[in-house]
Protein backbone atom coordinates (compact mmCIF):
# COMPACT_ATOMS: atom_id res chain seq x y z
CA UNK A 1 0.24 17.84 -15.96
CA UNK A 2 1.71 14.41 -16.64
CA UNK A 3 3.42 13.00 -13.57
CA UNK A 4 4.70 9.76 -15.08
CA UNK A 5 5.25 6.83 -12.75
CA UNK A 6 6.23 7.63 -9.20
CA UNK A 7 7.38 4.93 -6.84
CA UNK A 8 6.33 3.27 -4.80
CA UNK A 9 2.85 2.73 -6.17
CA UNK A 10 0.81 1.82 -3.11
CA UNK A 11 -2.35 -0.23 -3.00
CA UNK A 12 -4.42 0.00 0.15
CA UNK A 13 -6.33 -3.19 0.88
CA UNK A 14 -8.79 -4.07 3.60
CA UNK A 15 -9.55 -7.46 5.08
CA UNK A 16 -12.30 -8.89 7.20
CA UNK A 17 -11.73 -8.95 10.97
CA UNK A 18 -10.12 -12.41 10.95
CA UNK A 19 -7.75 -11.39 8.12
CA UNK A 20 -8.89 -14.39 6.09
CA UNK A 21 -10.38 -12.52 3.12
CA UNK A 22 -9.69 -9.31 1.28
CA UNK A 23 -12.48 -6.89 0.55
CA UNK A 24 -12.95 -6.19 -3.14
CA UNK A 25 -12.56 -2.39 -2.95
CA UNK A 26 -8.95 -1.19 -3.02
CA UNK A 27 -7.35 2.23 -3.33
CA UNK A 28 -4.32 2.85 -5.52
CA UNK A 29 -2.18 5.83 -4.56
CA UNK A 30 0.76 7.57 -6.17
CA UNK A 31 3.39 9.67 -4.46
CA UNK A 32 3.21 13.32 -5.43
CA UNK A 33 6.73 14.63 -6.11
CA UNK A 34 7.99 17.07 -3.48
CA UNK A 35 8.12 19.98 -5.93
CA UNK A 36 4.31 19.71 -6.35
CA UNK A 37 3.31 19.06 -2.75
CA UNK A 38 2.75 22.68 -1.69
CA UNK A 39 0.50 23.38 -4.68
CA UNK A 40 -0.66 20.10 -6.20
CA UNK A 41 -2.31 20.15 -9.62
CA UNK A 42 -6.10 19.91 -9.49
CA UNK A 43 -7.44 16.65 -10.90
CA UNK A 44 -10.04 16.81 -13.66
CA UNK A 45 -11.50 13.40 -12.76
CA UNK A 46 -13.76 13.38 -9.67
CA UNK A 47 -12.53 9.86 -8.79
CA UNK A 48 -9.03 11.25 -8.23
CA UNK A 49 -8.43 12.95 -4.91
CA UNK A 50 -5.34 14.37 -3.26
CA UNK A 51 -4.76 13.22 0.30
CA UNK A 52 -2.12 14.25 2.76
CA UNK A 53 -1.05 11.30 4.86
CA UNK A 54 0.11 11.95 8.41
CA UNK A 55 3.45 10.65 9.61
CA UNK A 56 3.18 7.13 10.96
CA UNK A 57 5.30 4.15 11.87
CA UNK A 58 5.27 1.44 9.24
CA UNK A 59 6.37 -2.17 9.67
CA UNK A 60 7.33 -3.67 6.35
CA UNK A 61 8.55 -6.85 4.71
CA UNK A 62 9.93 -7.16 1.17
CA UNK A 63 8.77 -9.86 -1.22
CA UNK A 64 9.15 -10.61 -4.92
CA UNK A 65 6.72 -11.70 -7.59
CA UNK A 66 3.20 -10.92 -8.63
CA UNK A 67 0.63 -9.39 -6.33
CA UNK A 68 -2.78 -10.96 -6.29
CA UNK A 69 -5.24 -11.79 -3.55
CA UNK A 70 -3.44 -15.04 -2.63
CA UNK A 71 0.05 -13.52 -2.48
CA UNK A 72 -1.18 -10.48 -0.55
CA UNK A 73 -2.98 -12.59 2.05
CA UNK A 74 0.11 -14.82 2.38
CA UNK A 75 2.33 -11.77 2.96
CA UNK A 76 -0.09 -10.30 5.53
CA UNK A 77 0.00 -13.56 7.46
CA UNK A 78 3.81 -13.87 7.21
CA UNK A 79 4.44 -10.37 8.53
CA UNK A 80 1.89 -10.87 11.33
CA UNK A 81 3.79 -14.01 12.41
CA UNK A 82 7.13 -12.17 12.44
CA UNK A 83 5.99 -9.16 14.48
CA UNK A 84 6.25 -9.51 18.23
CA UNK A 85 3.13 -7.38 18.82
CA UNK A 86 0.98 -7.29 15.66
CA UNK A 87 -1.91 -5.93 17.75
CA UNK A 88 -0.11 -2.56 17.77
CA UNK A 89 -0.96 -2.25 14.07
CA UNK A 90 -4.21 -1.67 12.25
CA UNK A 91 -5.84 -5.07 11.88
CA UNK A 92 -7.89 -4.59 8.71
CA UNK A 93 -5.90 -2.12 6.59
CA UNK A 94 -2.66 -2.99 4.81
CA UNK A 95 -0.57 -1.46 2.07
CA UNK A 96 1.21 -3.17 -0.78
CA UNK A 97 4.05 -1.01 -2.13
CA UNK A 98 5.27 -1.80 -5.63
CA UNK A 99 8.71 -0.64 -6.74
CA UNK A 100 8.95 -2.09 -10.24
CA UNK A 101 6.87 -2.10 -13.39
CA UNK A 102 3.64 -4.08 -12.81
CA UNK A 103 4.34 -5.99 -16.05
CA UNK A 104 7.71 -7.27 -14.80
CA UNK A 105 7.89 -10.95 -13.89
CA UNK A 106 10.00 -10.64 -10.72
CA UNK A 107 8.61 -7.50 -9.16
CA UNK A 108 9.97 -5.96 -5.95
CA UNK A 109 7.15 -5.32 -3.45
CA UNK A 110 6.63 -4.69 0.23
CA UNK A 111 3.75 -5.35 2.59
CA UNK A 112 3.23 -2.53 5.09
CA UNK A 113 1.48 -2.67 8.44
CA UNK A 114 0.53 0.72 9.86
CA UNK A 115 0.93 1.35 13.55
CA UNK A 116 -2.30 2.35 15.28
CA UNK A 117 -2.57 6.12 15.84
């Protein structure tokens, strides 16, 4: 089953404890359309898994442009400065949500902080 592109495309990144460096391993996730959520198609590739994410509170900030390690770290630091209580969020896990084609020059993105469970 071909799903096409679903938006946002989310990339889960992890940092060290001081939030000064990103870890190399990232996870890219795609939204499964609602019509397929009750009975998702089974992936043929063992590297592809289907996860159900629990409801959570997300703090986000929009930004434009490319996403690379420098821009992601800059956006993590900017959102942390804006939040009154950043300690309420996970401190080493962040999500970059992309809403436009990755090849586009002026992409619309968001940085997400997840509230601690």
